[in-house]
Amino acid sequence: MTLFKNIRLGLLHVAIAMTFVLINSVLNRIMIHDLNILASIVAVLVVLPYVLSPAQVWIGQYSDTHPIFGYRRTPYIALGTMLAITGAALAPHAALALAREPLIGVPLAVLLFGMWGVGYNLAVVAYLSLASDMSTEQQRSRTVAIMWFMMITSVIVTAIVVGRALEPYSEERLFTVFLETGGVALALALVGLIGLEPRRTTATVQQSRAGQMAAIRAIIGNPQARFFFVYLIMLLAAILGQDVLLEPFGAQAFGMNVKETTQLTAMWGGATLTALLLYGAVLSRWISKKRGAMIGGSIAATGFLLIALSGMLAIEAMFIPGILLLGFGTGVATTTNLALMLDMTTAEQVGLFIGAWGVADAIARGVGTLLGGVMRDVIAHMSGSAVSGYVSVFLIEAMLLGISLVLLQRIDVTAFRSRQPSLTELVAITGDA
């Protein structure tokens, strides 16, 4: 993995991250606060694509053993990227239709949000598999740090540019800005993807459906894999569950406008970026991945508690430091846990395992987002205070982070690999059967 290839791989992450900003940092705020669509409905739209996430295990396994024109990952990355960009660029049309003409808006929203969500997850699984294919175990912390450095930088830049481009806000500007951002994302993805993956001329071990099922059963039967799967769900549900709530919380608790709430993403991103640089360049030399994950999770939990306290006491001065702590903790936790995730694979079954961890990610996003949206609405209705709903969700997310850190103590990469049969062994076992 040369630096140039690492940067090109990072461009794929940048392209997908730009669509994420459009959906989760801009459109969700407009839908909830400006169009008065219930947060639970917005959460359902965001979570809907993840219902099909278990298929990603088969997609990852299929890409391991069925290259297309000699490429194991490129076609899947291309398909996922196209779906994500198209869905995100056209999503504002669905949002406006949902608020004004539900009979048209509901199916349109399901279609476009579904395209974005399925494409997002497919692309992430495919390019993380490619990252594992192209890097050694010693290179993975650096590979992940560079990819996430580029991604967070793009999140900051996209949030700032889109926020300014939407001033003064109008529906026409919203449509135009989303289409233009989608075009930039597509161009960056093409620059990163074309010619990145080496074409394979040797035959790949093929598996029957029975062999694929045996591989999946091998994951389920590995206790370390099970612990890691549950750990990822708990961790990511907590960290990602605030995606659709942080900006609306700023608007409702402290009266922030669209530009100000969009800048919250930039603040979070700046803190995350600082953590990535600090850990990737300095701390990774002395702090193990597992210890780094513990530190990052603890800092993020502290950030959630401070954000909740700012709402309880109505002190805006506590809100921004809470976001900064959440961003910094997320940066450390992201780098270390993704490096752990790439370690929790075997050379012949990268796509299978990244697919499994992708399912954990999708379930976590779904559970976290749905939990956040529904809990916010239910508690707000029962208490008569929207702010109380947000505060309760932030406290629950801090608790989930604490539980995930307890699970982390039981994860051992060496023990995981010692219990996992190779692809060749699985094919032989299946043939004997």
Protein backbone atom coordinates (compact mmCIF):
# COMPACT_ATOMS: atom_id res chain seq x y z
CA MET A 1 0.00 0.00 0.00
CA THR A 2 1.87 3.07 -1.25
CA LEU A 3 0.90 6.54 -0.06
CA PHE A 4 -0.47 7.41 -3.52
CA LYS A 5 -2.69 4.32 -3.58
CA ASN A 6 -3.77 5.03 -0.02
CA ILE A 7 -4.86 8.53 -1.03
CA ARG A 8 -6.79 7.18 -4.03
CA LEU A 9 -8.48 4.66 -1.76
CA GLY A 10 -9.35 7.54 0.55
CA LEU A 11 -11.08 9.36 -2.33
CA LEU A 12 -13.65 6.55 -2.41
CA HIS A 13 -14.34 7.17 1.26
CA VAL A 14 -14.55 10.91 0.58
CA ALA A 15 -17.15 10.45 -2.16
CA ILE A 16 -19.42 8.34 0.05
CA ALA A 17 -18.91 10.66 3.04
CA MET A 18 -20.13 13.62 1.00
CA THR A 19 -23.46 11.88 0.44
CA PHE A 20 -23.60 11.13 4.16
CA VAL A 21 -23.28 14.85 4.99
CA LEU A 22 -26.12 15.67 2.58
CA ILE A 23 -28.48 13.16 4.17
CA ASN A 24 -27.53 13.19 7.84
CA SER A 25 -26.28 16.73 8.42
CA VAL A 26 -28.38 18.84 6.06
CA LEU A 27 -31.54 17.14 4.87
CA ASN A 28 -32.43 15.55 8.21
CA ARG A 29 -32.37 18.99 9.89
CA ILE A 30 -34.55 20.49 7.15
CA MET A 31 -37.02 17.59 7.30
CA ILE A 32 -37.39 17.64 11.09
CA HIS A 33 -37.16 21.35 11.87
CA ASP A 34 -38.26 23.19 8.70
CA LEU A 35 -40.71 20.72 7.15
CA ASN A 36 -42.06 19.53 10.55
CA ILE A 37 -41.70 15.85 9.67
CA LEU A 38 -41.56 13.67 12.77
CA ALA A 39 -38.06 12.61 13.78
CA SER A 40 -39.28 9.01 13.97
CA ILE A 41 -40.36 9.13 10.29
CA VAL A 42 -36.98 10.55 9.30
CA ALA A 43 -35.30 7.83 11.37
CA VAL A 44 -37.36 5.12 9.65
CA LEU A 45 -36.32 6.43 6.23
CA VAL A 46 -32.66 6.39 7.22
CA VAL A 47 -32.94 2.94 8.84
CA LEU A 48 -35.05 1.33 6.09
CA PRO A 49 -32.14 0.38 3.77
CA TYR A 50 -30.38 -1.48 6.58
CA VAL A 51 -33.15 -4.06 6.76
CA LEU A 52 -31.44 -5.85 3.87
CA SER A 53 -27.98 -5.54 5.42
CA PRO A 54 -27.55 -9.30 6.10
CA ALA A 55 -27.21 -9.73 2.31
CA GLN A 56 -23.85 -7.98 2.60
CA VAL A 57 -22.33 -11.12 4.14
CA TRP A 58 -23.13 -12.98 0.91
CA ILE A 59 -22.01 -10.02 -1.19
CA GLY A 60 -18.66 -9.93 0.59
CA GLN A 61 -18.29 -13.69 0.30
CA TYR A 62 -19.34 -13.59 -3.36
CA SER A 63 -16.77 -10.90 -4.18
CA ASP A 64 -14.07 -13.04 -2.50
CA THR A 65 -14.68 -15.92 -4.88
CA HIS A 66 -16.32 -14.40 -8.00
CA PRO A 67 -14.24 -11.62 -9.56
CA ILE A 68 -15.81 -9.73 -12.47
CA PHE A 69 -13.38 -9.27 -15.37
CA GLY A 70 -10.60 -10.11 -12.93
CA TYR A 71 -11.62 -7.55 -10.27
CA ARG A 72 -12.81 -8.65 -6.83
CA ARG A 73 -13.92 -5.29 -5.44
CA THR A 74 -14.09 -2.62 -8.15
CA PRO A 75 -17.49 -3.55 -9.68
CA TYR A 76 -19.14 -3.62 -6.25
CA ILE A 77 -17.59 -0.29 -5.26
CA ALA A 78 -18.76 1.25 -8.54
CA LEU A 79 -22.33 -0.01 -8.12
CA GLY A 80 -22.56 1.06 -4.50
CA THR A 81 -21.13 4.51 -5.22
CA MET A 82 -23.54 5.16 -8.09
CA LEU A 83 -26.55 4.14 -5.98
CA ALA A 84 -25.45 6.28 -3.01
CA ILE A 85 -24.76 9.40 -5.07
CA THR A 86 -27.95 9.15 -7.12
CA GLY A 87 -30.15 8.56 -4.06
CA ALA A 88 -28.59 11.41 -2.05
CA ALA A 89 -28.63 13.92 -4.91
CA LEU A 90 -32.35 13.40 -5.54
CA ALA A 91 -33.44 12.97 -1.90
CA PRO A 92 -34.63 16.61 -1.44
CA HIS A 93 -37.40 15.97 -3.97
CA ALA A 94 -38.64 13.10 -1.79
CA ALA A 95 -38.43 15.22 1.38
CA LEU A 96 -40.56 18.02 -0.09
CA ALA A 97 -43.05 15.54 -1.54
CA LEU A 98 -43.28 13.72 1.81
CA ALA A 99 -44.19 16.95 3.60
CA ARG A 100 -46.78 18.08 1.03
CA GLU A 101 -48.08 15.07 -0.87
CA PRO A 102 -47.57 11.93 1.26
CA LEU A 103 -49.13 9.58 -1.32
CA ILE A 104 -46.35 10.51 -3.74
CA GLY A 105 -43.73 11.33 -1.14
CA VAL A 106 -43.74 8.03 0.78
CA PRO A 107 -42.88 5.71 -2.15
CA LEU A 108 -40.45 8.27 -3.58
CA ALA A 109 -38.72 8.60 -0.21
CA VAL A 110 -38.51 4.82 0.19
CA LEU A 111 -36.96 4.54 -3.29
CA LEU A 112 -34.39 7.34 -3.00
CA PHE A 113 -33.42 6.83 0.63
CA GLY A 114 -33.26 3.10 -0.14
CA MET A 115 -30.88 3.72 -3.06
CA TRP A 116 -28.66 5.87 -0.88
CA GLY A 117 -28.61 3.46 2.06
CA VAL A 118 -28.02 0.29 0.06
CA GLY A 119 -25.35 2.00 -2.04
CA TYR A 120 -23.67 3.46 1.04
CA ASN A 121 -23.36 0.10 2.78
CA LEU A 122 -22.37 -1.80 -0.36
CA ALA A 123 -19.61 0.67 -1.23
CA VAL A 124 -18.22 0.77 2.32
CA VAL A 125 -18.03 -3.02 2.59
CA ALA A 126 -16.35 -3.27 -0.82
CA TYR A 127 -13.70 -0.59 -0.34
CA LEU A 128 -12.85 -1.71 3.19
CA SER A 129 -12.32 -5.20 1.75
CA LEU A 130 -10.06 -3.62 -0.88
CA ALA A 131 -8.17 -1.75 1.87
CA SER A 132 -7.56 -5.05 3.66
CA ASP A 133 -6.54 -6.73 0.38
CA MET A 134 -3.98 -4.04 -0.43
CA SER A 135 -2.42 -3.48 3.02
CA THR A 136 -0.45 -5.60 5.44
CA GLU A 137 -1.35 -5.90 9.12
CA GLN A 138 1.44 -3.45 10.00
CA GLN A 139 0.15 -0.90 7.47
CA ARG A 140 -3.50 -0.98 8.49
CA SER A 141 -3.43 1.64 11.22
CA ARG A 142 -1.81 4.07 8.79
CA THR A 143 -4.17 3.04 5.98
CA VAL A 144 -7.23 3.62 8.15
CA ALA A 145 -5.84 6.89 9.57
CA ILE A 146 -5.25 8.34 6.07
CA MET A 147 -8.66 7.21 4.80
CA TRP A 148 -10.45 8.68 7.79
CA PHE A 149 -8.32 11.84 7.74
CA MET A 150 -9.47 12.43 4.17
CA MET A 151 -13.05 11.51 5.00
CA ILE A 152 -13.31 13.82 8.00
CA THR A 153 -11.66 16.65 6.04
CA SER A 154 -14.25 16.16 3.32
CA VAL A 155 -17.06 16.16 5.92
CA ILE A 156 -15.82 19.50 7.29
CA VAL A 157 -15.40 21.07 3.85
CA THR A 158 -18.71 19.70 2.55
CA ALA A 159 -20.59 20.91 5.64
CA ILE A 160 -19.10 24.41 5.40
CA VAL A 161 -19.58 24.75 1.63
CA VAL A 162 -23.10 23.33 1.59
CA GLY A 163 -24.12 25.42 4.61
CA ARG A 164 -22.95 28.62 2.93
CA ALA A 165 -24.39 27.63 -0.45
CA LEU A 166 -27.84 27.23 1.14
CA GLU A 167 -27.84 30.85 2.40
CA PRO A 168 -30.33 32.30 1.77
CA TYR A 169 -32.29 29.06 1.94
CA SER A 170 -34.77 28.18 -0.82
CA GLU A 171 -36.06 24.96 -2.30
CA GLU A 172 -34.42 25.73 -5.64
CA ARG A 173 -31.05 26.22 -3.94
CA LEU A 174 -31.52 22.97 -2.04
CA PHE A 175 -32.08 20.99 -5.26
CA THR A 176 -29.16 22.67 -7.03
CA VAL A 177 -26.67 22.27 -4.18
CA PHE A 178 -27.47 18.57 -3.75
CA LEU A 179 -27.04 17.89 -7.49
CA GLU A 180 -23.76 19.81 -7.67
CA THR A 181 -22.38 18.04 -4.59
CA GLY A 182 -23.35 14.69 -6.10
CA GLY A 183 -21.46 15.58 -9.29
CA VAL A 184 -18.30 16.43 -7.34
CA ALA A 185 -18.58 13.18 -5.36
CA LEU A 186 -18.90 11.17 -8.57
CA ALA A 187 -15.81 12.81 -10.09
CA LEU A 188 -13.72 12.09 -6.99
CA ALA A 189 -14.90 8.46 -6.93
CA LEU A 190 -13.87 7.95 -10.56
CA VAL A 191 -10.40 9.41 -9.92
CA GLY A 192 -9.95 7.11 -6.94
CA LEU A 193 -11.36 3.91 -8.42
CA ILE A 194 -10.19 3.63 -12.03
CA GLY A 195 -7.06 1.48 -12.15
CA LEU A 196 -6.67 1.23 -8.36
CA GLU A 197 -7.29 -2.49 -7.91
CA PRO A 198 -4.80 -4.76 -9.71
CA ARG A 199 -6.47 -7.11 -12.16
CA ARG A 200 -6.12 -10.76 -11.18
CA THR A 201 -5.22 -13.27 -13.85
CA THR A 202 -5.07 -16.35 -11.62
CA ALA A 203 -8.13 -18.40 -10.82
CA THR A 204 -9.88 -17.80 -7.52
CA VAL A 205 -11.05 -20.63 -5.29
CA GLN A 206 -14.73 -21.13 -6.02
CA GLN A 207 -17.35 -22.06 -3.48
CA SER A 208 -20.71 -23.67 -3.80
CA ARG A 209 -23.70 -22.35 -1.91
CA ALA A 210 -23.06 -25.09 0.65
CA GLY A 211 -19.49 -23.85 1.02
CA GLN A 212 -20.70 -20.29 1.52
CA MET A 213 -23.10 -21.45 4.23
CA ALA A 214 -20.25 -23.38 5.88
CA ALA A 215 -18.15 -20.21 5.93
CA ILE A 216 -20.97 -18.23 7.52
CA ARG A 217 -21.53 -20.98 10.10
CA ALA A 218 -17.81 -20.82 10.87
CA ILE A 219 -18.20 -17.15 11.77
CA ILE A 220 -21.18 -17.86 14.00
CA GLY A 221 -19.30 -20.69 15.67
CA ASN A 222 -16.30 -18.50 16.50
CA PRO A 223 -16.89 -17.01 19.98
CA GLN A 224 -14.48 -14.13 19.36
CA ALA A 225 -16.36 -13.25 16.16
CA ARG A 226 -19.64 -13.24 18.08
CA PHE A 227 -18.23 -10.97 20.79
CA PHE A 228 -16.82 -8.58 18.18
CA PHE A 229 -20.12 -8.53 16.28
CA VAL A 230 -22.11 -7.58 19.39
CA TYR A 231 -19.43 -5.11 20.47
CA LEU A 232 -19.55 -3.30 17.11
CA ILE A 233 -23.33 -3.04 17.28
CA MET A 234 -23.27 -1.53 20.77
CA LEU A 235 -20.41 0.86 20.02
CA LEU A 236 -21.68 2.09 16.65
CA ALA A 237 -25.32 2.33 17.75
CA ALA A 238 -24.18 4.76 20.45
CA ILE A 239 -21.78 6.82 18.31
CA LEU A 240 -23.92 6.89 15.16
CA GLY A 241 -27.31 7.22 16.84
CA GLN A 242 -26.81 10.97 17.24
CA ASP A 243 -26.42 11.58 13.49
CA VAL A 244 -30.02 12.65 12.89
CA LEU A 245 -30.45 14.41 16.26
CA LEU A 246 -27.47 16.67 16.97
CA GLU A 247 -28.37 19.45 14.49
CA PRO A 248 -32.12 19.51 15.35
CA PHE A 249 -31.16 19.55 19.04
CA GLY A 250 -29.04 22.65 18.46
CA ALA A 251 -31.95 24.30 16.65
CA GLN A 252 -34.58 23.50 19.28
CA ALA A 253 -32.51 23.84 22.45
CA PHE A 254 -30.50 26.93 21.51
CA GLY A 255 -32.34 28.49 18.55
CA MET A 256 -29.57 27.88 15.99
CA ASN A 257 -30.33 28.51 12.29
CA VAL A 258 -29.52 26.20 9.34
CA LYS A 259 -26.04 27.64 8.84
CA GLU A 260 -25.18 27.37 12.54
CA THR A 261 -26.40 23.79 12.91
CA THR A 262 -24.55 22.74 9.76
CA GLN A 263 -21.36 24.14 11.31
CA LEU A 264 -21.83 21.72 14.22
CA THR A 265 -20.80 18.96 11.81
CA ALA A 266 -17.66 20.95 10.98
CA MET A 267 -16.82 21.31 14.70
CA TRP A 268 -17.37 17.61 15.30
CA GLY A 269 -15.29 16.85 12.21
CA GLY A 270 -12.46 19.15 13.28
CA ALA A 271 -12.18 17.39 16.64
CA THR A 272 -12.34 13.99 14.95
CA LEU A 273 -9.66 15.06 12.48
CA THR A 274 -7.39 16.21 15.30
CA ALA A 275 -7.80 12.84 17.00
CA LEU A 276 -6.99 10.98 13.79
CA LEU A 277 -3.81 12.98 13.27
CA LEU A 278 -2.73 12.67 16.89
CA TYR A 279 -3.36 8.93 17.10
CA GLY A 280 -2.10 8.04 13.61
CA ALA A 281 1.11 10.09 13.85
CA VAL A 282 1.99 9.79 17.54
CA LEU A 283 -0.15 7.75 19.90
CA SER A 284 -0.35 4.57 17.76
CA ARG A 285 3.36 3.97 18.41
CA TRP A 286 2.77 3.51 22.14
CA ILE A 287 -0.91 2.71 22.53
CA SER A 288 -2.34 -0.58 21.26
CA LYS A 289 -5.47 -0.69 19.12
CA LYS A 290 -7.51 -2.17 21.95
CA ARG A 291 -6.37 0.39 24.53
CA GLY A 292 -6.93 3.16 22.00
CA ALA A 293 -10.48 1.91 21.46
CA MET A 294 -11.05 2.03 25.23
CA ILE A 295 -9.74 5.60 25.47
CA GLY A 296 -11.75 6.79 22.46
CA GLY A 297 -14.99 5.24 23.72
CA SER A 298 -14.54 6.79 27.16
CA ILE A 299 -13.95 10.28 25.75
CA ALA A 300 -16.98 9.97 23.44
CA ALA A 301 -19.18 8.90 26.39
CA THR A 302 -18.01 11.97 28.31
CA GLY A 303 -18.99 14.12 25.32
CA PHE A 304 -22.50 12.67 25.30
CA LEU A 305 -22.88 13.37 29.03
CA LEU A 306 -21.79 16.98 28.56
CA ILE A 307 -24.18 17.50 25.63
CA ALA A 308 -27.04 16.07 27.70
CA LEU A 309 -26.09 18.32 30.62
CA SER A 310 -26.11 21.38 28.35
CA GLY A 311 -29.72 20.63 27.45
CA MET A 312 -30.76 19.90 31.04
CA LEU A 313 -29.26 23.18 32.29
CA ALA A 314 -29.95 25.19 29.09
CA ILE A 315 -26.30 26.26 28.92
CA GLU A 316 -25.13 26.62 25.32
CA ALA A 317 -21.53 27.13 26.49
CA MET A 318 -21.45 23.44 27.50
CA PHE A 319 -22.88 22.22 24.18
CA ILE A 320 -19.88 23.01 21.97
CA PRO A 321 -17.27 21.43 24.32
CA GLY A 322 -19.49 18.33 24.43
CA ILE A 323 -19.48 18.15 20.62
CA LEU A 324 -15.69 18.57 20.58
CA LEU A 325 -15.22 15.74 23.11
CA LEU A 326 -17.63 13.54 21.18
CA GLY A 327 -15.75 14.24 17.94
CA PHE A 328 -12.33 13.62 19.49
CA GLY A 329 -13.44 10.36 21.10
CA THR A 330 -15.10 9.27 17.86
CA GLY A 331 -11.84 9.91 15.97
CA VAL A 332 -9.75 7.74 18.28
CA ALA A 333 -12.43 5.04 18.48
CA THR A 334 -12.94 5.00 14.70
CA THR A 335 -9.26 4.59 13.86
CA THR A 336 -8.61 1.88 16.43
CA ASN A 337 -11.80 -0.09 15.86
CA LEU A 338 -11.48 -0.09 12.08
CA ALA A 339 -7.91 -1.33 12.39
CA LEU A 340 -9.21 -4.03 14.75
CA MET A 341 -11.95 -4.85 12.25
CA LEU A 342 -9.43 -5.33 9.43
CA ASP A 343 -7.38 -7.54 11.76
CA MET A 344 -10.47 -9.64 12.51
CA THR A 345 -10.36 -11.22 9.03
CA THR A 346 -8.43 -13.98 7.28
CA ALA A 347 -6.53 -13.43 4.02
CA GLU A 348 -8.80 -15.63 1.90
CA GLN A 349 -12.07 -14.48 3.44
CA VAL A 350 -11.71 -10.72 3.69
CA GLY A 351 -14.99 -9.95 1.93
CA LEU A 352 -16.88 -12.46 4.09
CA PHE A 353 -15.70 -10.93 7.35
CA ILE A 354 -15.93 -7.30 6.20
CA GLY A 355 -19.44 -8.19 5.06
CA ALA A 356 -20.23 -9.57 8.53
CA TRP A 357 -18.81 -6.48 10.24
CA GLY A 358 -20.72 -4.40 7.66
CA VAL A 359 -23.91 -6.08 8.83
CA ALA A 360 -23.02 -5.11 12.40
CA ASP A 361 -22.46 -1.55 11.21
CA ALA A 362 -25.79 -1.50 9.36
CA ILE A 363 -27.70 -2.96 12.29
CA ALA A 364 -26.03 -0.44 14.59
CA ARG A 365 -26.93 2.47 12.34
CA GLY A 366 -30.48 1.20 12.10
CA VAL A 367 -30.91 0.53 15.81
CA GLY A 368 -29.15 3.73 16.84
CA THR A 369 -31.01 5.97 14.40
CA LEU A 370 -34.41 4.38 15.00
CA LEU A 371 -33.88 4.32 18.76
CA GLY A 372 -32.81 7.97 18.69
CA GLY A 373 -35.73 9.16 16.57
CA VAL A 374 -38.46 7.14 18.28
CA MET A 375 -37.18 7.73 21.82
CA ARG A 376 -36.91 11.45 21.13
CA ASP A 377 -40.53 11.62 19.93
CA VAL A 378 -41.96 9.39 22.68
CA ILE A 379 -40.18 11.12 25.57
CA ALA A 380 -40.86 14.57 24.10
CA HIS A 381 -44.57 13.71 23.88
CA MET A 382 -44.74 12.28 27.41
CA SER A 383 -42.80 15.13 28.99
CA GLY A 384 -44.13 17.95 26.83
CA SER A 385 -40.56 19.04 26.15
CA ALA A 386 -38.65 18.32 22.93
CA VAL A 387 -35.35 19.04 24.68
CA SER A 388 -36.07 16.33 27.28
CA GLY A 389 -36.42 13.82 24.45
CA TYR A 390 -33.01 14.72 23.04
CA VAL A 391 -31.33 14.69 26.46
CA SER A 392 -32.71 11.23 27.26
CA VAL A 393 -31.36 9.82 23.99
CA PHE A 394 -27.88 11.28 24.61
CA LEU A 395 -27.83 9.70 28.08
CA ILE A 396 -28.85 6.31 26.65
CA GLU A 397 -26.06 6.55 24.06
CA ALA A 398 -23.51 7.24 26.79
CA MET A 399 -24.74 4.13 28.61
CA LEU A 400 -24.43 2.01 25.44
CA LEU A 401 -20.84 3.17 25.04
CA GLY A 402 -20.08 2.06 28.59
CA ILE A 403 -21.53 -1.41 27.93
CA SER A 404 -19.51 -1.73 24.69
CA LEU A 405 -16.27 -1.00 26.55
CA VAL A 406 -17.01 -3.89 28.91
CA LEU A 407 -17.43 -6.21 25.90
CA LEU A 408 -14.19 -4.95 24.36
CA GLN A 409 -12.22 -6.47 27.24
CA ARG A 410 -13.15 -9.98 26.03
CA ILE A 411 -11.98 -9.59 22.40
CA ASP A 412 -8.71 -11.27 21.33
CA VAL A 413 -7.56 -11.19 17.67
CA THR A 414 -5.15 -14.12 18.13
CA ALA A 415 -7.85 -16.30 19.64
CA PHE A 416 -10.19 -15.33 16.79
CA ARG A 417 -7.76 -16.48 14.08
CA SER A 418 -6.88 -19.70 15.85
CA ARG A 419 -10.55 -20.74 15.72
CA GLN A 420 -11.24 -19.76 12.08
CA PRO A 421 -10.77 -22.36 9.27
CA SER A 422 -9.34 -21.16 5.96
CA LEU A 423 -11.34 -20.92 2.73
CA THR A 424 -9.50 -23.94 1.29
CA GLU A 425 -10.33 -25.97 4.38
CA LEU A 426 -13.99 -24.99 4.12
CA VAL A 427 -14.12 -26.04 0.46
CA ALA A 428 -12.50 -29.38 1.35
CA ILE A 429 -14.90 -29.92 4.26
CA THR A 430 -17.86 -29.13 2.04
CA GLY A 431 -16.56 -31.48 -0.66
CA ASP A 432 -16.13 -34.29 1.84
CA ALA A 433 -19.64 -33.70 3.12
